[in-house]
Amino acid sequence: MNFLKNTGLKNKKTYIKAYNYLQNGKFEESLRLFNYLLDENYRSFSILFNLITIHNELNSLDTLLNKINLLLDNEDYNYYELLIQKGNIFYLKRNMMKLLNALMKF
């Protein structure tokens, strides 16, 4: 049990560090840390929200969209949260038909 507590504390500290990087405009460092946290399935909804912000700044939303499509097949992640974030990406890309299609899966 102590291992789980230490892992949670480490992930929380990593999240705070990544968020601070994001706030200071250090997108590459923040991207690396948020990707690590997403792989750990730590607060995936808020991690994806932050990753969308970063990828939007870096003009690489398609990369994140591909990652979300891969995660949709993984049962460890909440399917509906992933669909919401996928819809957010389509909204930012101004692709309303794909946005509607993603939301229709609810």
N, C-alpha and C. Protein backbone atom coordinates (compact mmCIF):
# COMPACT_ATOMS: atom_id res chain seq x y z
N MET A 1 0.82 -1.19 0.00
CA MET A 1 0.00 0.00 0.00
C MET A 1 0.86 1.26 0.00
N ASN A 2 1.98 1.19 0.66
CA ASN A 2 2.86 2.35 0.71
C ASN A 2 3.36 2.71 -0.69
N PHE A 3 3.56 1.67 -1.54
CA PHE A 3 3.99 1.91 -2.91
C PHE A 3 2.96 2.74 -3.67
N LEU A 4 1.67 2.39 -3.50
CA LEU A 4 0.60 3.13 -4.19
C LEU A 4 0.54 4.57 -3.71
N LYS A 5 0.74 4.78 -2.42
CA LYS A 5 0.73 6.14 -1.87
C LYS A 5 1.88 6.94 -2.46
N ASN A 6 3.07 6.34 -2.55
CA ASN A 6 4.22 7.04 -3.10
C ASN A 6 4.04 7.33 -4.59
N THR A 7 3.43 6.40 -5.32
CA THR A 7 3.18 6.61 -6.74
C THR A 7 2.20 7.76 -6.94
N GLY A 8 1.14 7.79 -6.16
CA GLY A 8 0.16 8.88 -6.25
C GLY A 8 0.77 10.22 -5.93
N LEU A 9 1.62 10.26 -4.92
CA LEU A 9 2.29 11.51 -4.54
C LEU A 9 3.25 11.96 -5.63
N LYS A 10 3.97 11.01 -6.23
CA LYS A 10 4.88 11.34 -7.32
C LYS A 10 4.12 11.90 -8.51
N ASN A 11 2.99 11.27 -8.85
CA ASN A 11 2.19 11.74 -9.97
C ASN A 11 1.61 13.13 -9.70
N LYS A 12 1.22 13.39 -8.46
CA LYS A 12 0.69 14.70 -8.11
C LYS A 12 1.77 15.77 -8.26
N LYS A 13 2.97 15.47 -7.81
CA LYS A 13 4.08 16.43 -7.95
C LYS A 13 4.43 16.64 -9.42
N THR A 14 4.38 15.58 -10.20
CA THR A 14 4.66 15.70 -11.63
C THR A 14 3.58 16.54 -12.31
N TYR A 15 2.33 16.36 -11.90
CA TYR A 15 1.24 17.15 -12.46
C TYR A 15 1.44 18.64 -12.18
N ILE A 16 1.78 18.96 -10.94
CA ILE A 16 2.00 20.37 -10.57
C ILE A 16 3.15 20.95 -11.36
N LYS A 17 4.21 20.19 -11.52
CA LYS A 17 5.37 20.64 -12.28
C LYS A 17 5.00 20.87 -13.75
N ALA A 18 4.26 19.94 -14.34
CA ALA A 18 3.84 20.07 -15.74
C ALA A 18 2.92 21.27 -15.92
N TYR A 19 2.02 21.47 -14.98
CA TYR A 19 1.10 22.60 -15.06
C TYR A 19 1.84 23.92 -14.96
N ASN A 20 2.84 23.98 -14.08
CA ASN A 20 3.65 25.20 -13.96
C ASN A 20 4.42 25.47 -15.25
N TYR A 21 4.96 24.43 -15.86
CA TYR A 21 5.62 24.60 -17.16
C TYR A 21 4.64 25.15 -18.20
N LEU A 22 3.44 24.62 -18.20
CA LEU A 22 2.43 25.08 -19.15
C LEU A 22 2.12 26.55 -18.93
N GLN A 23 1.94 26.94 -17.68
CA GLN A 23 1.63 28.33 -17.37
C GLN A 23 2.76 29.29 -17.76
N ASN A 24 3.99 28.78 -17.75
CA ASN A 24 5.14 29.61 -18.10
C ASN A 24 5.51 29.52 -19.58
N GLY A 25 4.69 28.82 -20.37
CA GLY A 25 4.92 28.74 -21.80
C GLY A 25 6.00 27.76 -22.22
N LYS A 26 6.41 26.89 -21.33
CA LYS A 26 7.41 25.86 -21.65
C LYS A 26 6.67 24.61 -22.11
N PHE A 27 6.20 24.67 -23.36
CA PHE A 27 5.29 23.64 -23.87
C PHE A 27 5.97 22.29 -24.04
N GLU A 28 7.21 22.25 -24.48
CA GLU A 28 7.88 20.97 -24.71
C GLU A 28 8.06 20.19 -23.40
N GLU A 29 8.50 20.89 -22.34
CA GLU A 29 8.67 20.23 -21.05
C GLU A 29 7.33 19.77 -20.49
N SER A 30 6.34 20.64 -20.61
CA SER A 30 5.01 20.31 -20.12
C SER A 30 4.42 19.13 -20.89
N LEU A 31 4.62 19.12 -22.20
CA LEU A 31 4.13 18.04 -23.05
C LEU A 31 4.71 16.70 -22.63
N ARG A 32 6.00 16.67 -22.37
CA ARG A 32 6.67 15.43 -21.97
C ARG A 32 6.08 14.90 -20.65
N LEU A 33 5.88 15.79 -19.69
CA LEU A 33 5.37 15.35 -18.38
C LEU A 33 3.90 14.94 -18.46
N PHE A 34 3.10 15.70 -19.19
CA PHE A 34 1.68 15.33 -19.31
C PHE A 34 1.51 14.02 -20.07
N ASN A 35 2.34 13.76 -21.07
CA ASN A 35 2.27 12.47 -21.77
C ASN A 35 2.61 11.32 -20.83
N TYR A 36 3.60 11.53 -19.96
CA TYR A 36 3.94 10.52 -18.96
C TYR A 36 2.73 10.24 -18.05
N LEU A 37 2.09 11.32 -17.58
CA LEU A 37 0.94 11.15 -16.69
C LEU A 37 -0.23 10.48 -17.39
N LEU A 38 -0.42 10.78 -18.68
CA LEU A 38 -1.49 10.12 -19.43
C LEU A 38 -1.20 8.63 -19.55
N ASP A 39 0.05 8.27 -19.78
CA ASP A 39 0.41 6.86 -19.84
C ASP A 39 0.19 6.16 -18.51
N GLU A 40 0.32 6.91 -17.42
CA GLU A 40 0.07 6.37 -16.08
C GLU A 40 -1.43 6.35 -15.75
N ASN A 41 -2.27 6.92 -16.63
CA ASN A 41 -3.71 7.04 -16.42
C ASN A 41 -4.02 7.83 -15.15
N TYR A 42 -3.27 8.88 -14.94
CA TYR A 42 -3.46 9.76 -13.78
C TYR A 42 -4.30 10.96 -14.20
N ARG A 43 -5.51 11.07 -13.65
CA ARG A 43 -6.40 12.19 -13.93
C ARG A 43 -6.49 12.47 -15.43
N SER A 44 -6.82 11.44 -16.18
CA SER A 44 -6.73 11.50 -17.64
C SER A 44 -7.57 12.61 -18.26
N PHE A 45 -8.72 12.93 -17.68
CA PHE A 45 -9.56 13.97 -18.27
C PHE A 45 -8.86 15.32 -18.23
N SER A 46 -8.32 15.69 -17.07
CA SER A 46 -7.64 17.00 -16.98
C SER A 46 -6.30 16.97 -17.71
N ILE A 47 -5.65 15.82 -17.75
CA ILE A 47 -4.39 15.70 -18.50
C ILE A 47 -4.67 15.95 -19.98
N LEU A 48 -5.72 15.33 -20.51
CA LEU A 48 -6.06 15.53 -21.92
C LEU A 48 -6.45 16.97 -22.21
N PHE A 49 -7.15 17.61 -21.27
CA PHE A 49 -7.50 19.02 -21.44
C PHE A 49 -6.23 19.86 -21.59
N ASN A 50 -5.25 19.60 -20.75
CA ASN A 50 -3.97 20.33 -20.83
C ASN A 50 -3.21 19.97 -22.09
N LEU A 51 -3.24 18.71 -22.49
CA LEU A 51 -2.56 18.30 -23.72
C LEU A 51 -3.20 18.95 -24.95
N ILE A 52 -4.51 19.13 -24.93
CA ILE A 52 -5.17 19.82 -26.03
C ILE A 52 -4.67 21.26 -26.11
N THR A 53 -4.55 21.91 -24.98
CA THR A 53 -4.03 23.28 -24.95
C THR A 53 -2.63 23.34 -25.55
N ILE A 54 -1.77 22.41 -25.16
CA ILE A 54 -0.39 22.39 -25.65
C ILE A 54 -0.35 22.10 -27.15
N HIS A 55 -1.06 21.06 -27.57
CA HIS A 55 -1.04 20.69 -28.98
C HIS A 55 -1.67 21.77 -29.86
N ASN A 56 -2.63 22.50 -29.32
CA ASN A 56 -3.22 23.61 -30.06
C ASN A 56 -2.16 24.70 -30.27
N GLU A 57 -1.38 24.98 -29.24
CA GLU A 57 -0.30 25.96 -29.35
C GLU A 57 0.78 25.51 -30.33
N LEU A 58 1.05 24.22 -30.35
CA LEU A 58 2.11 23.67 -31.22
C LEU A 58 1.58 23.27 -32.60
N ASN A 59 0.30 23.52 -32.85
CA ASN A 59 -0.34 23.15 -34.12
C ASN A 59 -0.17 21.67 -34.46
N SER A 60 -0.38 20.83 -33.46
CA SER A 60 -0.22 19.39 -33.66
C SER A 60 -1.40 18.60 -33.08
N LEU A 61 -2.60 19.13 -33.25
CA LEU A 61 -3.78 18.46 -32.69
C LEU A 61 -4.01 17.08 -33.30
N ASP A 62 -3.59 16.88 -34.56
CA ASP A 62 -3.77 15.57 -35.19
C ASP A 62 -2.99 14.48 -34.46
N THR A 63 -1.82 14.83 -33.93
CA THR A 63 -1.02 13.87 -33.18
C THR A 63 -1.77 13.41 -31.94
N LEU A 64 -2.36 14.36 -31.22
CA LEU A 64 -3.13 14.00 -30.02
C LEU A 64 -4.39 13.23 -30.38
N LEU A 65 -5.01 13.58 -31.48
CA LEU A 65 -6.20 12.87 -31.92
C LEU A 65 -5.88 11.40 -32.20
N ASN A 66 -4.74 11.14 -32.81
CA ASN A 66 -4.32 9.76 -33.05
C ASN A 66 -4.11 9.01 -31.75
N LYS A 67 -3.53 9.69 -30.76
CA LYS A 67 -3.29 9.05 -29.45
C LYS A 67 -4.63 8.73 -28.77
N ILE A 68 -5.57 9.66 -28.85
CA ILE A 68 -6.89 9.41 -28.25
C ILE A 68 -7.57 8.24 -28.93
N ASN A 69 -7.45 8.14 -30.25
CA ASN A 69 -8.05 7.01 -30.97
C ASN A 69 -7.47 5.68 -30.49
N LEU A 70 -6.18 5.66 -30.19
CA LEU A 70 -5.57 4.45 -29.65
C LEU A 70 -6.09 4.14 -28.24
N LEU A 71 -6.26 5.19 -27.43
CA LEU A 71 -6.73 5.00 -26.06
C LEU A 71 -8.18 4.54 -26.00
N LEU A 72 -8.97 4.84 -27.02
CA LEU A 72 -10.37 4.43 -27.03
C LEU A 72 -10.52 2.91 -26.96
N ASP A 73 -9.51 2.19 -27.43
CA ASP A 73 -9.55 0.73 -27.39
C ASP A 73 -9.06 0.16 -26.06
N ASN A 74 -8.52 1.02 -25.21
CA ASN A 74 -7.97 0.59 -23.94
C ASN A 74 -9.06 0.69 -22.86
N GLU A 75 -9.37 -0.42 -22.24
CA GLU A 75 -10.44 -0.44 -21.23
C GLU A 75 -10.06 0.28 -19.94
N ASP A 76 -8.78 0.60 -19.74
CA ASP A 76 -8.36 1.28 -18.52
C ASP A 76 -8.77 2.75 -18.52
N TYR A 77 -9.11 3.30 -19.68
CA TYR A 77 -9.47 4.71 -19.80
C TYR A 77 -10.97 4.84 -19.98
N ASN A 78 -11.53 5.92 -19.47
CA ASN A 78 -12.96 6.17 -19.56
C ASN A 78 -13.31 6.54 -21.00
N TYR A 79 -14.07 5.70 -21.65
CA TYR A 79 -14.43 5.87 -23.07
C TYR A 79 -15.13 7.21 -23.32
N TYR A 80 -16.04 7.57 -22.45
CA TYR A 80 -16.83 8.79 -22.66
C TYR A 80 -16.01 10.05 -22.43
N GLU A 81 -15.09 10.01 -21.48
CA GLU A 81 -14.19 11.15 -21.30
C GLU A 81 -13.31 11.35 -22.53
N LEU A 82 -12.87 10.25 -23.11
CA LEU A 82 -12.05 10.35 -24.32
C LEU A 82 -12.86 10.92 -25.48
N LEU A 83 -14.13 10.52 -25.58
CA LEU A 83 -14.99 11.07 -26.64
C LEU A 83 -15.20 12.57 -26.47
N ILE A 84 -15.37 13.02 -25.23
CA ILE A 84 -15.53 14.45 -24.98
C ILE A 84 -14.29 15.21 -25.43
N GLN A 85 -13.12 14.69 -25.08
CA GLN A 85 -11.88 15.38 -25.47
C GLN A 85 -11.67 15.33 -26.97
N LYS A 86 -12.08 14.24 -27.59
CA LYS A 86 -12.01 14.14 -29.05
C LYS A 86 -12.91 15.20 -29.68
N GLY A 87 -14.09 15.40 -29.12
CA GLY A 87 -14.98 16.45 -29.58
C GLY A 87 -14.37 17.83 -29.41
N ASN A 88 -13.66 18.05 -28.31
CA ASN A 88 -12.98 19.33 -28.08
C ASN A 88 -11.97 19.61 -29.19
N ILE A 89 -11.24 18.58 -29.59
CA ILE A 89 -10.25 18.74 -30.65
C ILE A 89 -10.94 19.10 -31.97
N PHE A 90 -12.01 18.40 -32.28
CA PHE A 90 -12.74 18.71 -33.52
C PHE A 90 -13.29 20.13 -33.50
N TYR A 91 -13.73 20.58 -32.32
CA TYR A 91 -14.22 21.95 -32.20
C TYR A 91 -13.10 22.95 -32.49
N LEU A 92 -11.94 22.72 -31.90
CA LEU A 92 -10.81 23.62 -32.14
C LEU A 92 -10.37 23.61 -33.60
N LYS A 93 -10.52 22.47 -34.25
CA LYS A 93 -10.14 22.36 -35.66
C LYS A 93 -11.26 22.86 -36.58
N ARG A 94 -12.36 23.28 -35.98
CA ARG A 94 -13.52 23.77 -36.72
C ARG A 94 -14.10 22.72 -37.67
N ASN A 95 -14.08 21.48 -37.22
CA ASN A 95 -14.61 20.38 -38.01
C ASN A 95 -15.90 19.91 -37.35
N MET A 96 -16.97 20.61 -37.65
CA MET A 96 -18.23 20.38 -36.95
C MET A 96 -18.88 19.03 -37.28
N MET A 97 -18.71 18.53 -38.49
CA MET A 97 -19.31 17.24 -38.82
C MET A 97 -18.67 16.11 -38.01
N LYS A 98 -17.36 16.13 -37.87
CA LYS A 98 -16.70 15.10 -37.07
C LYS A 98 -17.04 15.29 -35.59
N LEU A 99 -17.20 16.54 -35.16
CA LEU A 99 -17.62 16.81 -33.79
C LEU A 99 -18.98 16.18 -33.52
N LEU A 100 -19.92 16.39 -34.41
CA LEU A 100 -21.25 15.81 -34.24
C LEU A 100 -21.20 14.28 -34.25
N ASN A 101 -20.39 13.71 -35.12
CA ASN A 101 -20.25 12.25 -35.19
C ASN A 101 -19.68 11.70 -33.89
N ALA A 102 -18.71 12.39 -33.32
CA ALA A 102 -18.12 11.94 -32.05
C ALA A 102 -19.16 12.01 -30.93
N LEU A 103 -19.96 13.06 -30.91
CA LEU A 103 -20.96 13.21 -29.86
C LEU A 103 -22.13 12.26 -30.04
N MET A 104 -22.38 11.82 -31.27
CA MET A 104 -23.46 10.89 -31.53
C MET A 104 -23.18 9.51 -30.93
N LYS A 105 -21.93 9.22 -30.61
CA LYS A 105 -21.56 7.92 -30.04
C LYS A 105 -22.00 7.79 -28.58
N PHE A 106 -22.45 8.90 -27.98
CA PHE A 106 -22.95 8.83 -26.61
C PHE A 106 -24.26 8.12 -26.65
